[in-house]
C-alpha atoms as a PDB file:
ATOM      1  CA  MET A   1       2.654   9.499   1.868  1.00  0.00           C
ATOM      2  CA  GLU A   2       5.947   7.378   1.403  1.00  0.00           C
ATOM      3  CA  ARG A   3       5.920   5.520   5.174  1.00  0.00           C
ATOM      4  CA  ASP A   4       2.894   4.903   4.730  1.00  0.00           C
ATOM      5  CA  ILE A   5       3.467   3.252   1.944  1.00  0.00           C
ATOM      6  CA  LEU A   6       5.898   1.384   3.140  1.00  0.00           C
ATOM      7  CA  ILE A   7       3.764   0.112   5.724  1.00  0.00           C
ATOM      8  CA  LEU A   8       0.884  -0.791   2.797  1.00  0.00           C
ATOM      9  CA  GLU A   9       3.239  -2.947   0.520  1.00  0.00           C
ATOM     10  CA  ASP A  10       4.935  -4.885   4.505  1.00  0.00           C
ATOM     11  CA  MET A  11       0.899  -5.194   5.179  1.00  0.00           C
ATOM     12  CA  ARG A  12       0.778  -6.643   1.522  1.00  0.00           C
ATOM     13  CA  ASN A  13       3.253  -8.469   1.813  1.00  0.00           C
ATOM     14  CA  GLN A  14       2.783 -10.492   5.056  1.00  0.00           C
ATOM     15  CA  TYR A  15      -0.577 -10.888   3.868  1.00  0.00           C
ATOM     16  CA  HIS A  16       0.378 -12.899   0.484  1.00  0.00           C
ATOM     17  CA  LYS A  17       2.600 -14.503   3.640  1.00  0.00           C
ATOM     18  CA  LYS A  18      -0.200 -15.276   4.867  1.00  0.00           C
ATOM     19  CA  ILE A  19      -3.204 -15.979   2.155  1.00  0.00           C
ATOM     20  CA  GLY A  20      -1.030 -16.945  -0.905  1.00  0.00           C
ATOM     21  CA  SER A  21      -2.564 -14.111  -2.807  1.00  0.00           C
ATOM     22  CA  TYR A  22      -2.071 -10.594  -2.870  1.00  0.00           C
ATOM     23  CA  PRO A  23      -4.784  -8.454  -2.436  1.00  0.00           C
ATOM     24  CA  SER A  24      -6.494  -6.751  -4.843  1.00  0.00           C
ATOM     25  CA  ASN A  25      -7.360  -3.815  -3.211  1.00  0.00           C
ATOM     26  CA  ILE A  26      -6.413  -1.812   0.204  1.00  0.00           C
ATOM     27  CA  GLY A  27      -9.901  -3.007   1.807  1.00  0.00           C
ATOM     28  CA  GLU A  28      -8.550  -6.211   1.444  1.00  0.00           C
ATOM     29  CA  LEU A  29      -6.443  -5.695   3.876  1.00  0.00           C
ATOM     30  CA  ILE A  30      -8.320  -4.247   6.652  1.00  0.00           C
ATOM     31  CA  SER A  31     -11.063  -7.521   6.353  1.00  0.00           C
ATOM     32  CA  ALA A  32      -8.298  -9.505   6.887  1.00  0.00           C
ATOM     33  CA  GLY A  33      -7.279  -7.792   9.764  1.00  0.00           C
ATOM     34  CA  PHE A  34      -3.370  -6.226   8.711  1.00  0.00           C
ATOM     35  CA  LEU A  35      -4.468  -3.171   9.092  1.00  0.00           C
ATOM     36  CA  LYS A  36      -7.193  -1.064  11.016  1.00  0.00           C
ATOM     37  CA  GLU A  37      -7.790   1.752   8.916  1.00  0.00           C
ATOM     38  CA  ILE A  38      -6.906   2.946   5.467  1.00  0.00           C
ATOM     39  CA  PRO A  39      -3.787   5.287   6.080  1.00  0.00           C
ATOM     40  CA  ARG A  40      -5.140   8.880   5.167  1.00  0.00           C
ATOM     41  CA  GLU A  41      -2.854  10.259   1.869  1.00  0.00           C
ATOM     42  CA  PRO A  42      -1.795  13.418   2.827  1.00  0.00           C
ATOM     43  CA  PHE A  43      -3.348  15.167   0.115  1.00  0.00           C
ATOM     44  CA  GLY A  44      -7.298  14.008   0.515  1.00  0.00           C
ATOM     45  CA  LYS A  45      -7.137  11.483  -2.507  1.00  0.00           C
ATOM     46  CA  LYS A  46      -6.312   8.209  -1.482  1.00  0.00           C
ATOM     47  CA  TYR A  47      -3.895   4.631  -2.044  1.00  0.00           C
ATOM     48  CA  PHE A  48      -4.246   1.836  -4.138  1.00  0.00           C
ATOM     49  CA  ILE A  49      -3.321  -0.930  -5.397  1.00  0.00           C
ATOM     50  CA  LYS A  50      -2.373  -1.511  -9.033  1.00  0.00           C
ATOM     51  CA  GLU A  51      -2.872  -5.080 -11.510  1.00  0.00           C
ATOM     52  CA  ASP A  52       1.059  -5.579 -10.432  1.00  0.00           C
ATOM     53  CA  HIS A  53       0.271  -5.948  -6.742  1.00  0.00           C
ATOM     54  CA  SER A  54       1.924  -2.518  -6.223  1.00  0.00           C
ATOM     55  CA  ILE A  55       0.964   0.302  -3.888  1.00  0.00           C
ATOM     56  CA  HIS A  56       0.384   3.910  -5.175  1.00  0.00           C
ATOM     57  CA  SER A  57      -0.892   7.364  -4.278  1.00  0.00           C
ATOM     58  CA  SER A  58      -3.833   8.609  -6.549  1.00  0.00           C
ATOM     59  CA  VAL A  59      -2.298  11.921  -6.161  1.00  0.00           C
ATOM     60  CA  VAL A  60       1.456  11.404  -6.381  1.00  0.00           C
ATOM     61  CA  LYS A  61       3.130   9.142  -9.765  1.00  0.00           C
ATOM     62  CA  LYS A  62       6.046   9.203  -9.266  1.00  0.00           C
ATOM     63  CA  ARG A  63       7.198   7.062  -6.102  1.00  0.00           C
ATOM     64  CA  MET A  64      10.656   9.009  -4.015  1.00  0.00           C
ATOM     65  CA  GLU A  65      13.890   7.516  -5.323  1.00  0.00           C
ATOM     66  CA  LEU A  66      16.688   7.083  -3.079  1.00  0.00           C
ATOM     67  CA  PHE A  67      20.755   8.589  -4.415  1.00  0.00           C
ATOM     68  CA  ILE A  68      23.992   7.330  -2.515  1.00  0.00           C
ATOM     69  CA  ASP A  69      26.972   9.083  -3.662  1.00  0.00           C
END
């Protein structure tokens, strides 16, 4: 799931760079040709873009965190 979110964030950023605004939903990434299809969320739900342009799963509320010692 984290991999899918990272891909969606990359596509969102490419969209922003090319179009000049952020997509309001993941469907806009498909319409603009940045994605062929919406990745399947592993728990059967969906990914979405929040008002702050961040991408989330409708099931998992907290993203993975990387801790480095």
